[in-house]
Amino acid sequence: MQNVRRSVAWVIAGISLCALGFTLVAGQPFTAKAQESKRIQYKIVEVLPDTQNMQTMLNEFGASGWELVAVSMGNMTEPRLIFKK
């Protein structure tokens, strides 16, 4: 009985290795890509310090693909929103 289990295990291992080999041979060629330099843009926008104005500005820039990365309080009355894309 134990010999049958070993035989089945060897058959399963053989089938698995054949499938892996086939996948490696027939699959997409694996090529290493050179590091592509990503171009990052930044935008600094001063907004009025009221919630509605700031929310509108954030939604507009977010819809255009900009991501808020920092908020700076320039002269302490007008926040500067720093976006990245």
C-alpha atoms as a PDB file:
ATOM      1  CA  MET A   1       0.000   0.000   0.000  1.00  0.00           C
ATOM      2  CA  GLN A   2       2.839   2.350   0.820  1.00  0.00           C
ATOM      3  CA  ASN A   3       4.462   1.644  -2.553  1.00  0.00           C
ATOM      4  CA  VAL A   4       1.244   2.709  -4.304  1.00  0.00           C
ATOM      5  CA  ARG A   5       1.229   6.010  -2.381  1.00  0.00           C
ATOM      6  CA  ARG A   6       4.855   6.647  -3.346  1.00  0.00           C
ATOM      7  CA  SER A   7       4.116   5.876  -6.975  1.00  0.00           C
ATOM      8  CA  VAL A   8       1.150   8.260  -6.998  1.00  0.00           C
ATOM      9  CA  ALA A   9       3.273  10.950  -5.358  1.00  0.00           C
ATOM     10  CA  TRP A  10       5.992  10.490  -8.022  1.00  0.00           C
ATOM     11  CA  VAL A  11       3.430  10.686 -10.806  1.00  0.00           C
ATOM     12  CA  ILE A  12       1.959  13.901  -9.367  1.00  0.00           C
ATOM     13  CA  ALA A  13       5.455  15.377  -8.943  1.00  0.00           C
ATOM     14  CA  GLY A  14       6.344  14.466 -12.531  1.00  0.00           C
ATOM     15  CA  ILE A  15       3.175  15.992 -13.922  1.00  0.00           C
ATOM     16  CA  SER A  16       3.759  19.165 -11.877  1.00  0.00           C
ATOM     17  CA  LEU A  17       7.328  19.496 -13.140  1.00  0.00           C
ATOM     18  CA  CYS A  18       6.219  18.938 -16.737  1.00  0.00           C
ATOM     19  CA  ALA A  19       3.532  21.596 -16.372  1.00  0.00           C
ATOM     20  CA  LEU A  20       6.037  24.027 -14.862  1.00  0.00           C
ATOM     21  CA  GLY A  21       8.523  23.344 -17.658  1.00  0.00           C
ATOM     22  CA  PHE A  22       5.861  23.840 -20.302  1.00  0.00           C
ATOM     23  CA  THR A  23       4.797  27.113 -18.696  1.00  0.00           C
ATOM     24  CA  LEU A  24       8.374  28.380 -18.649  1.00  0.00           C
ATOM     25  CA  VAL A  25       9.031  27.375 -22.268  1.00  0.00           C
ATOM     26  CA  ALA A  26       5.715  28.442 -23.786  1.00  0.00           C
ATOM     27  CA  GLY A  27       5.061  31.489 -21.615  1.00  0.00           C
ATOM     28  CA  GLN A  28       5.921  35.113 -22.254  1.00  0.00           C
ATOM     29  CA  PRO A  29       9.658  35.737 -22.373  1.00  0.00           C
ATOM     30  CA  PHE A  30      10.894  37.281 -19.162  1.00  0.00           C
ATOM     31  CA  THR A  31      12.862  40.401 -19.898  1.00  0.00           C
ATOM     32  CA  ALA A  32      14.182  42.815 -17.367  1.00  0.00           C
ATOM     33  CA  LYS A  33      13.139  46.384 -18.009  1.00  0.00           C
ATOM     34  CA  ALA A  34      15.477  49.246 -17.433  1.00  0.00           C
ATOM     35  CA  GLN A  35      14.390  51.650 -14.775  1.00  0.00           C
ATOM     36  CA  GLU A  36      12.179  54.211 -16.455  1.00  0.00           C
ATOM     37  CA  SER A  37      12.481  57.643 -14.968  1.00  0.00           C
ATOM     38  CA  LYS A  38       9.068  58.902 -14.005  1.00  0.00           C
ATOM     39  CA  ARG A  39       8.352  62.531 -14.528  1.00  0.00           C
ATOM     40  CA  ILE A  40       6.712  64.015 -11.482  1.00  0.00           C
ATOM     41  CA  GLN A  41       5.047  67.405 -11.555  1.00  0.00           C
ATOM     42  CA  TYR A  42       4.314  69.557  -8.526  1.00  0.00           C
ATOM     43  CA  LYS A  43       1.834  72.367  -8.159  1.00  0.00           C
ATOM     44  CA  ILE A  44       1.552  74.825  -5.250  1.00  0.00           C
ATOM     45  CA  VAL A  45      -1.776  76.571  -4.816  1.00  0.00           C
ATOM     46  CA  GLU A  46      -2.748  79.197  -2.238  1.00  0.00           C
ATOM     47  CA  VAL A  47      -6.373  79.001  -1.179  1.00  0.00           C
ATOM     48  CA  LEU A  48      -8.660  80.984   1.032  1.00  0.00           C
ATOM     49  CA  PRO A  49      -8.831  79.414   4.477  1.00  0.00           C
ATOM     50  CA  ASP A  50     -12.541  78.577   4.406  1.00  0.00           C
ATOM     51  CA  THR A  51     -13.619  74.932   4.311  1.00  0.00           C
ATOM     52  CA  GLN A  52     -15.914  75.139   1.277  1.00  0.00           C
ATOM     53  CA  ASN A  53     -13.296  76.840  -0.912  1.00  0.00           C
ATOM     54  CA  MET A  54     -10.597  74.372   0.129  1.00  0.00           C
ATOM     55  CA  GLN A  55     -12.886  71.374  -0.451  1.00  0.00           C
ATOM     56  CA  THR A  56     -13.823  72.628  -3.914  1.00  0.00           C
ATOM     57  CA  MET A  57     -10.154  73.134  -4.802  1.00  0.00           C
ATOM     58  CA  LEU A  58      -9.197  69.657  -3.528  1.00  0.00           C
ATOM     59  CA  ASN A  59     -11.992  68.011  -5.530  1.00  0.00           C
ATOM     60  CA  GLU A  60     -11.044  69.861  -8.725  1.00  0.00           C
ATOM     61  CA  PHE A  61      -7.367  68.943  -8.513  1.00  0.00           C
ATOM     62  CA  GLY A  62      -8.153  65.367  -7.461  1.00  0.00           C
ATOM     63  CA  ALA A  63     -10.418  64.912 -10.482  1.00  0.00           C
ATOM     64  CA  SER A  64      -7.530  66.081 -12.682  1.00  0.00           C
ATOM     65  CA  GLY A  65      -5.180  63.435 -11.277  1.00  0.00           C
ATOM     66  CA  TRP A  66      -3.338  65.581  -8.733  1.00  0.00           C
ATOM     67  CA  GLU A  67      -2.585  64.143  -5.282  1.00  0.00           C
ATOM     68  CA  LEU A  68      -2.295  66.357  -2.201  1.00  0.00           C
ATOM     69  CA  VAL A  69       1.084  65.698  -0.576  1.00  0.00           C
ATOM     70  CA  ALA A  70       1.470  68.581   1.881  1.00  0.00           C
ATOM     71  CA  VAL A  71      -0.157  71.673   3.317  1.00  0.00           C
ATOM     72  CA  SER A  72       2.044  74.629   4.184  1.00  0.00           C
ATOM     73  CA  MET A  73       0.809  77.621   6.141  1.00  0.00           C
ATOM     74  CA  GLY A  74       2.757  80.304   4.223  1.00  0.00           C
ATOM     75  CA  ASN A  75       1.973  83.558   6.007  1.00  0.00           C
ATOM     76  CA  MET A  76      -0.351  81.793   8.486  1.00  0.00           C
ATOM     77  CA  THR A  77      -3.498  83.166   6.828  1.00  0.00           C
ATOM     78  CA  GLU A  78      -3.552  81.426   3.451  1.00  0.00           C
ATOM     79  CA  PRO A  79      -2.715  77.721   3.347  1.00  0.00           C
ATOM     80  CA  ARG A  80      -0.621  76.468   0.445  1.00  0.00           C
ATOM     81  CA  LEU A  81      -1.716  73.127  -0.943  1.00  0.00           C
ATOM     82  CA  ILE A  82       1.106  71.168  -2.534  1.00  0.00           C
ATOM     83  CA  PHE A  83       0.002  68.653  -5.164  1.00  0.00           C
ATOM     84  CA  LYS A  84       1.938  65.985  -7.033  1.00  0.00           C
ATOM     85  CA  LYS A  85       1.127  64.229 -10.297  1.00  0.00           C
END
